[in-house]
Every structure is written in C-alpha cells, then in structure tokens.
Amino acid sequence: MFFNELVSLMEIIRAKTKAVVVLGGAAVGIMPEEFLRFTGAPFAVLGRGEKVFPGLLRRFQPERT
C-alpha cells in the first residue's frame, strides 16, 4: 500500500514540476535500491538527512576555479 501511494505521489510531483526528487527516510535506509527502482527517483540519501543532503547538493554545484 505504501509503495502505491509513493508512486502516485511521484506522478503528481513529475506532472507539476521538473524538480529532482531525492528519497530519504527509514524505509529507504532498509531497501534503497527497491525504492529507487520502484519510484524512478534518481537519488536517495541514507543516514541523517541534515548531514547527508548538503553533501549531495555540493556535488551538483559547479567547481570553482
């Protein structure tokens, strides 16, 4: 049931925005590959989001020279 609701939510998000979706949370920590495959989300973060997510954002920033 949770998976079906998540897929519906992803469809709504994709219909309304081109924002990149990053999955996280306890369930993703248990089965990250399954969540990525099932939802088609490009990224998932594992661990404490407030610590991990800023590192992911830094990877998207262009390198400064």
N, C-alpha and C. Protein backbone atom coordinates (compact mmCIF):
# COMPACT_ATOMS: atom_id res chain seq x y z
N MET A 1 0.83 -1.19 0.00
CA MET A 1 0.00 0.00 0.00
C MET A 1 0.88 1.25 0.00
N PHE A 2 1.89 1.30 0.85
CA PHE A 2 2.77 2.47 0.91
C PHE A 2 3.44 2.71 -0.43
N PHE A 3 3.89 1.63 -1.08
CA PHE A 3 4.56 1.77 -2.38
C PHE A 3 3.63 2.41 -3.40
N ASN A 4 2.38 1.96 -3.45
CA ASN A 4 1.44 2.51 -4.42
C ASN A 4 1.19 4.00 -4.17
N GLU A 5 1.08 4.39 -2.92
CA GLU A 5 0.90 5.81 -2.60
C GLU A 5 2.13 6.60 -3.00
N LEU A 6 3.31 6.04 -2.83
CA LEU A 6 4.54 6.72 -3.19
C LEU A 6 4.62 6.93 -4.70
N VAL A 7 4.23 5.92 -5.46
CA VAL A 7 4.24 6.05 -6.92
C VAL A 7 3.25 7.13 -7.36
N SER A 8 2.07 7.15 -6.77
CA SER A 8 1.08 8.19 -7.10
C SER A 8 1.63 9.57 -6.78
N LEU A 9 2.28 9.70 -5.65
CA LEU A 9 2.87 10.99 -5.26
C LEU A 9 3.96 11.40 -6.25
N MET A 10 4.79 10.46 -6.66
CA MET A 10 5.83 10.76 -7.64
C MET A 10 5.22 11.23 -8.96
N GLU A 11 4.14 10.61 -9.38
CA GLU A 11 3.47 11.02 -10.62
C GLU A 11 2.96 12.45 -10.51
N ILE A 12 2.39 12.80 -9.37
CA ILE A 12 1.90 14.17 -9.16
C ILE A 12 3.05 15.16 -9.20
N ILE A 13 4.13 14.84 -8.52
CA ILE A 13 5.30 15.73 -8.49
C ILE A 13 5.84 15.93 -9.89
N ARG A 14 5.98 14.87 -10.64
CA ARG A 14 6.52 14.97 -12.01
C ARG A 14 5.61 15.76 -12.93
N ALA A 15 4.30 15.68 -12.70
CA ALA A 15 3.35 16.42 -13.54
C ALA A 15 3.40 17.93 -13.26
N LYS A 16 3.81 18.30 -12.06
CA LYS A 16 3.75 19.70 -11.65
C LYS A 16 5.09 20.42 -11.65
N THR A 17 6.19 19.68 -11.66
CA THR A 17 7.50 20.32 -11.56
C THR A 17 8.57 19.46 -12.21
N LYS A 18 9.66 20.10 -12.55
CA LYS A 18 10.82 19.37 -13.06
C LYS A 18 11.87 19.20 -11.98
N ALA A 19 11.49 19.44 -10.73
CA ALA A 19 12.42 19.32 -9.61
C ALA A 19 12.94 17.90 -9.49
N VAL A 20 14.17 17.79 -9.07
CA VAL A 20 14.77 16.48 -8.83
C VAL A 20 14.26 15.97 -7.48
N VAL A 21 13.81 14.74 -7.46
CA VAL A 21 13.29 14.14 -6.23
C VAL A 21 14.40 13.30 -5.61
N VAL A 22 14.64 13.53 -4.33
CA VAL A 22 15.62 12.76 -3.57
C VAL A 22 14.86 12.04 -2.46
N LEU A 23 14.91 10.73 -2.46
CA LEU A 23 14.23 9.95 -1.43
C LEU A 23 15.09 9.85 -0.19
N GLY A 24 14.44 9.69 0.94
CA GLY A 24 15.14 9.51 2.19
C GLY A 24 14.20 8.94 3.23
N GLY A 25 14.71 8.66 4.38
CA GLY A 25 13.87 8.17 5.46
C GLY A 25 14.22 6.74 5.83
N ALA A 26 13.56 6.27 6.87
CA ALA A 26 13.87 4.95 7.42
C ALA A 26 13.63 3.83 6.43
N ALA A 27 12.53 3.87 5.69
CA ALA A 27 12.23 2.80 4.75
C ALA A 27 13.26 2.74 3.62
N VAL A 28 13.70 3.90 3.17
CA VAL A 28 14.72 3.95 2.12
C VAL A 28 16.02 3.36 2.65
N GLY A 29 16.32 3.57 3.91
CA GLY A 29 17.52 3.01 4.51
C GLY A 29 17.51 1.50 4.55
N ILE A 30 16.34 0.90 4.58
CA ILE A 30 16.22 -0.55 4.63
C ILE A 30 16.29 -1.17 3.23
N MET A 31 15.66 -0.51 2.25
CA MET A 31 15.64 -1.06 0.88
C MET A 31 15.83 0.04 -0.15
N PRO A 32 16.99 0.68 -0.18
CA PRO A 32 17.18 1.83 -1.08
C PRO A 32 17.07 1.47 -2.56
N GLU A 33 17.64 0.38 -2.98
CA GLU A 33 17.59 0.02 -4.40
C GLU A 33 16.16 -0.24 -4.86
N GLU A 34 15.38 -0.89 -4.02
CA GLU A 34 13.99 -1.18 -4.36
C GLU A 34 13.19 0.11 -4.51
N PHE A 35 13.40 1.06 -3.60
CA PHE A 35 12.68 2.34 -3.67
C PHE A 35 13.07 3.11 -4.93
N LEU A 36 14.35 3.14 -5.25
CA LEU A 36 14.79 3.84 -6.46
C LEU A 36 14.19 3.19 -7.71
N ARG A 37 14.25 1.90 -7.78
CA ARG A 37 13.69 1.18 -8.94
C ARG A 37 12.19 1.40 -9.06
N PHE A 38 11.50 1.26 -7.96
CA PHE A 38 10.04 1.31 -7.96
C PHE A 38 9.52 2.70 -8.29
N THR A 39 10.18 3.74 -7.79
CA THR A 39 9.69 5.10 -7.99
C THR A 39 10.30 5.80 -9.20
N GLY A 40 11.47 5.32 -9.64
CA GLY A 40 12.17 6.01 -10.72
C GLY A 40 12.88 7.26 -10.25
N ALA A 41 12.95 7.47 -8.94
CA ALA A 41 13.68 8.63 -8.40
C ALA A 41 15.16 8.47 -8.73
N PRO A 42 15.82 9.58 -9.05
CA PRO A 42 17.23 9.47 -9.43
C PRO A 42 18.20 9.32 -8.26
N PHE A 43 17.78 9.74 -7.07
CA PHE A 43 18.69 9.74 -5.92
C PHE A 43 17.96 9.34 -4.65
N ALA A 44 18.72 8.79 -3.73
CA ALA A 44 18.25 8.54 -2.37
C ALA A 44 19.41 8.83 -1.44
N VAL A 45 19.09 9.32 -0.26
CA VAL A 45 20.14 9.55 0.74
C VAL A 45 19.91 8.59 1.89
N LEU A 46 21.01 8.09 2.41
CA LEU A 46 20.96 7.18 3.54
C LEU A 46 21.63 7.85 4.73
N GLY A 47 21.07 7.65 5.89
CA GLY A 47 21.63 8.28 7.08
C GLY A 47 20.84 9.53 7.44
N ARG A 48 21.40 10.30 8.33
CA ARG A 48 20.73 11.51 8.80
C ARG A 48 20.74 12.57 7.71
N GLY A 49 19.54 12.89 7.23
CA GLY A 49 19.39 13.80 6.10
C GLY A 49 20.07 15.13 6.27
N GLU A 50 20.02 15.68 7.48
CA GLU A 50 20.63 17.00 7.70
C GLU A 50 22.14 16.97 7.54
N LYS A 51 22.72 15.80 7.64
CA LYS A 51 24.17 15.67 7.43
C LYS A 51 24.50 15.22 6.00
N VAL A 52 23.70 14.33 5.44
CA VAL A 52 23.99 13.74 4.14
C VAL A 52 23.55 14.63 2.98
N PHE A 53 22.38 15.25 3.09
CA PHE A 53 21.81 16.01 1.98
C PHE A 53 22.69 17.19 1.54
N PRO A 54 23.28 17.96 2.45
CA PRO A 54 24.17 19.04 2.00
C PRO A 54 25.33 18.53 1.14
N GLY A 55 25.85 17.36 1.43
CA GLY A 55 26.91 16.79 0.61
C GLY A 55 26.43 16.46 -0.79
N LEU A 56 25.21 15.98 -0.89
CA LEU A 56 24.62 15.71 -2.21
C LEU A 56 24.47 17.02 -2.99
N LEU A 57 23.99 18.06 -2.34
CA LEU A 57 23.83 19.36 -3.01
C LEU A 57 25.18 19.90 -3.49
N ARG A 58 26.22 19.71 -2.69
CA ARG A 58 27.55 20.18 -3.10
C ARG A 58 28.02 19.51 -4.39
N ARG A 59 27.63 18.26 -4.57
CA ARG A 59 28.04 17.54 -5.79
C ARG A 59 27.40 18.15 -7.05
N PHE A 60 26.30 18.87 -6.88
CA PHE A 60 25.63 19.49 -8.03
C PHE A 60 26.18 20.86 -8.34
N GLN A 61 26.93 21.44 -7.43
CA GLN A 61 27.48 22.78 -7.65
C GLN A 61 28.65 22.70 -8.60
N PRO A 62 28.73 23.67 -9.51
CA PRO A 62 29.91 23.69 -10.41
C PRO A 62 31.17 23.97 -9.61
N GLU A 63 32.25 23.40 -10.07
CA GLU A 63 33.53 23.61 -9.40
C GLU A 63 33.99 25.05 -9.61
N ARG A 64 34.51 25.63 -8.56
CA ARG A 64 35.05 26.99 -8.66
C ARG A 64 36.53 26.90 -8.95
N THR A 65 36.98 27.77 -9.84
CA THR A 65 38.42 27.78 -10.15
C THR A 65 39.04 29.10 -9.80
